[in-house]
Amino acid sequence: MMGMPSCREVTRMLAEGELQSAPRRVRWMVRLHLAMCRHCGRFARQMSLISQALKNMMNRRPDELKHPDIAQRIIARLKHP
């Protein structure tokens, strides 16, 4: 990646968790791209919400995990971040 990353590159890096280990220049260019591209910015926020939901789910007891309850909470968080 020489200049500004493409949407495909940004979403791949976000989905695969490569951004944390990327060089500083690449991280800066991705942040710039996210600030300018509403679609990639939305994708980054969605990935963050999914990550938070999974972390919260892992901290719950197995008997607390009811599929409809989890689905409703995720949908509610996506509608009202």
C-alpha atoms as a PDB file:
ATOM      1  CA  MET A   1       0.000   0.000   0.000  1.00  0.00           C
ATOM      2  CA  MET A   2       1.700   3.157  -1.205  1.00  0.00           C
ATOM      3  CA  GLY A   3      -0.890   5.860  -0.636  1.00  0.00           C
ATOM      4  CA  MET A   4      -4.427   5.935   0.649  1.00  0.00           C
ATOM      5  CA  PRO A   5      -5.750   2.404   1.228  1.00  0.00           C
ATOM      6  CA  SER A   6      -8.810   1.256  -0.665  1.00  0.00           C
ATOM      7  CA  CYS A   7     -12.078   0.369   1.040  1.00  0.00           C
ATOM      8  CA  ARG A   8     -11.327  -3.304   0.391  1.00  0.00           C
ATOM      9  CA  GLU A   9      -7.926  -3.024   2.096  1.00  0.00           C
ATOM     10  CA  VAL A  10      -9.364  -1.132   5.080  1.00  0.00           C
ATOM     11  CA  THR A  11     -12.207  -3.586   5.673  1.00  0.00           C
ATOM     12  CA  ARG A  12      -9.849  -6.559   5.330  1.00  0.00           C
ATOM     13  CA  MET A  13      -7.437  -5.082   7.867  1.00  0.00           C
ATOM     14  CA  LEU A  14     -10.262  -4.318  10.300  1.00  0.00           C
ATOM     15  CA  ALA A  15     -11.888  -7.734   9.905  1.00  0.00           C
ATOM     16  CA  GLU A  16      -8.617  -9.622  10.330  1.00  0.00           C
ATOM     17  CA  GLY A  17      -7.395  -7.471  13.225  1.00  0.00           C
ATOM     18  CA  GLU A  18      -4.241  -6.429  11.379  1.00  0.00           C
ATOM     19  CA  LEU A  19      -4.468  -2.748  12.236  1.00  0.00           C
ATOM     20  CA  GLN A  20      -2.887  -3.092  15.692  1.00  0.00           C
ATOM     21  CA  SER A  21       0.297  -4.649  14.299  1.00  0.00           C
ATOM     22  CA  ALA A  22       0.510  -2.449  11.189  1.00  0.00           C
ATOM     23  CA  PRO A  23       3.221   0.208  10.866  1.00  0.00           C
ATOM     24  CA  ARG A  24       2.388   3.669  12.192  1.00  0.00           C
ATOM     25  CA  ARG A  25       2.081   5.170   8.694  1.00  0.00           C
ATOM     26  CA  VAL A  26      -0.432   2.516   7.644  1.00  0.00           C
ATOM     27  CA  ARG A  27      -2.494   3.015  10.826  1.00  0.00           C
ATOM     28  CA  TRP A  28      -2.509   6.767  10.181  1.00  0.00           C
ATOM     29  CA  MET A  29      -3.631   6.298   6.567  1.00  0.00           C
ATOM     30  CA  VAL A  30      -6.395   3.905   7.654  1.00  0.00           C
ATOM     31  CA  ARG A  31      -7.623   6.398  10.270  1.00  0.00           C
ATOM     32  CA  LEU A  32      -7.639   9.117   7.618  1.00  0.00           C
ATOM     33  CA  HIS A  33      -9.600   6.837   5.288  1.00  0.00           C
ATOM     34  CA  LEU A  34     -12.102   6.057   8.079  1.00  0.00           C
ATOM     35  CA  ALA A  35     -12.585   9.774   8.720  1.00  0.00           C
ATOM     36  CA  MET A  36     -13.338  10.413   5.045  1.00  0.00           C
ATOM     37  CA  CYS A  37     -15.328   7.279   4.092  1.00  0.00           C
ATOM     38  CA  ARG A  38     -18.692   6.934   5.811  1.00  0.00           C
ATOM     39  CA  HIS A  39     -19.105   3.335   4.648  1.00  0.00           C
ATOM     40  CA  CYS A  40     -15.811   2.147   6.103  1.00  0.00           C
ATOM     41  CA  GLY A  41     -16.427   4.214   9.229  1.00  0.00           C
ATOM     42  CA  ARG A  42     -19.772   2.476   9.674  1.00  0.00           C
ATOM     43  CA  PHE A  43     -18.107  -0.904   9.144  1.00  0.00           C
ATOM     44  CA  ALA A  44     -15.474  -0.082  11.792  1.00  0.00           C
ATOM     45  CA  ARG A  45     -18.194   0.883  14.295  1.00  0.00           C
ATOM     46  CA  GLN A  46     -20.109  -2.315  13.537  1.00  0.00           C
ATOM     47  CA  MET A  47     -16.967  -4.413  14.052  1.00  0.00           C
ATOM     48  CA  SER A  48     -16.392  -2.659  17.373  1.00  0.00           C
ATOM     49  CA  LEU A  49     -19.969  -3.322  18.523  1.00  0.00           C
ATOM     50  CA  ILE A  50     -19.725  -6.981  17.538  1.00  0.00           C
ATOM     51  CA  SER A  51     -16.434  -7.304  19.394  1.00  0.00           C
ATOM     52  CA  GLN A  52     -17.910  -5.688  22.516  1.00  0.00           C
ATOM     53  CA  ALA A  53     -21.005  -7.913  22.338  1.00  0.00           C
ATOM     54  CA  LEU A  54     -18.859 -11.038  22.074  1.00  0.00           C
ATOM     55  CA  LYS A  55     -16.676  -9.963  25.014  1.00  0.00           C
ATOM     56  CA  ASN A  56     -19.793  -9.296  27.109  1.00  0.00           C
ATOM     57  CA  MET A  57     -21.266 -12.638  26.083  1.00  0.00           C
ATOM     58  CA  MET A  58     -18.093 -14.494  27.100  1.00  0.00           C
ATOM     59  CA  ASN A  59     -18.352 -12.995  30.597  1.00  0.00           C
ATOM     60  CA  ARG A  60     -21.848 -14.389  31.159  1.00  0.00           C
ATOM     61  CA  ARG A  61     -22.752 -17.737  32.677  1.00  0.00           C
ATOM     62  CA  PRO A  62     -23.975 -20.394  30.203  1.00  0.00           C
ATOM     63  CA  ASP A  63     -27.449 -20.446  31.783  1.00  0.00           C
ATOM     64  CA  GLU A  64     -27.763 -16.681  31.093  1.00  0.00           C
ATOM     65  CA  LEU A  65     -27.214 -17.121  27.357  1.00  0.00           C
ATOM     66  CA  LYS A  66     -30.604 -17.191  25.700  1.00  0.00           C
ATOM     67  CA  HIS A  67     -30.518 -16.807  21.945  1.00  0.00           C
ATOM     68  CA  PRO A  68     -33.525 -14.458  21.543  1.00  0.00           C
ATOM     69  CA  ASP A  69     -32.234 -12.244  24.351  1.00  0.00           C
ATOM     70  CA  ILE A  70     -28.792 -11.908  22.753  1.00  0.00           C
ATOM     71  CA  ALA A  71     -30.217 -11.233  19.304  1.00  0.00           C
ATOM     72  CA  GLN A  72     -32.539  -8.533  20.641  1.00  0.00           C
ATOM     73  CA  ARG A  73     -29.698  -6.827  22.528  1.00  0.00           C
ATOM     74  CA  ILE A  74     -27.422  -6.812  19.470  1.00  0.00           C
ATOM     75  CA  ILE A  75     -30.196  -5.398  17.270  1.00  0.00           C
ATOM     76  CA  ALA A  76     -30.979  -2.713  19.852  1.00  0.00           C
ATOM     77  CA  ARG A  77     -27.298  -1.693  20.093  1.00  0.00           C
ATOM     78  CA  LEU A  78     -26.979  -1.501  16.303  1.00  0.00           C
ATOM     79  CA  LYS A  79     -30.056   0.723  16.064  1.00  0.00           C
ATOM     80  CA  HIS A  80     -28.970   3.008  18.922  1.00  0.00           C
ATOM     81  CA  PRO A  81     -25.140   2.939  19.304  1.00  0.00           C
END
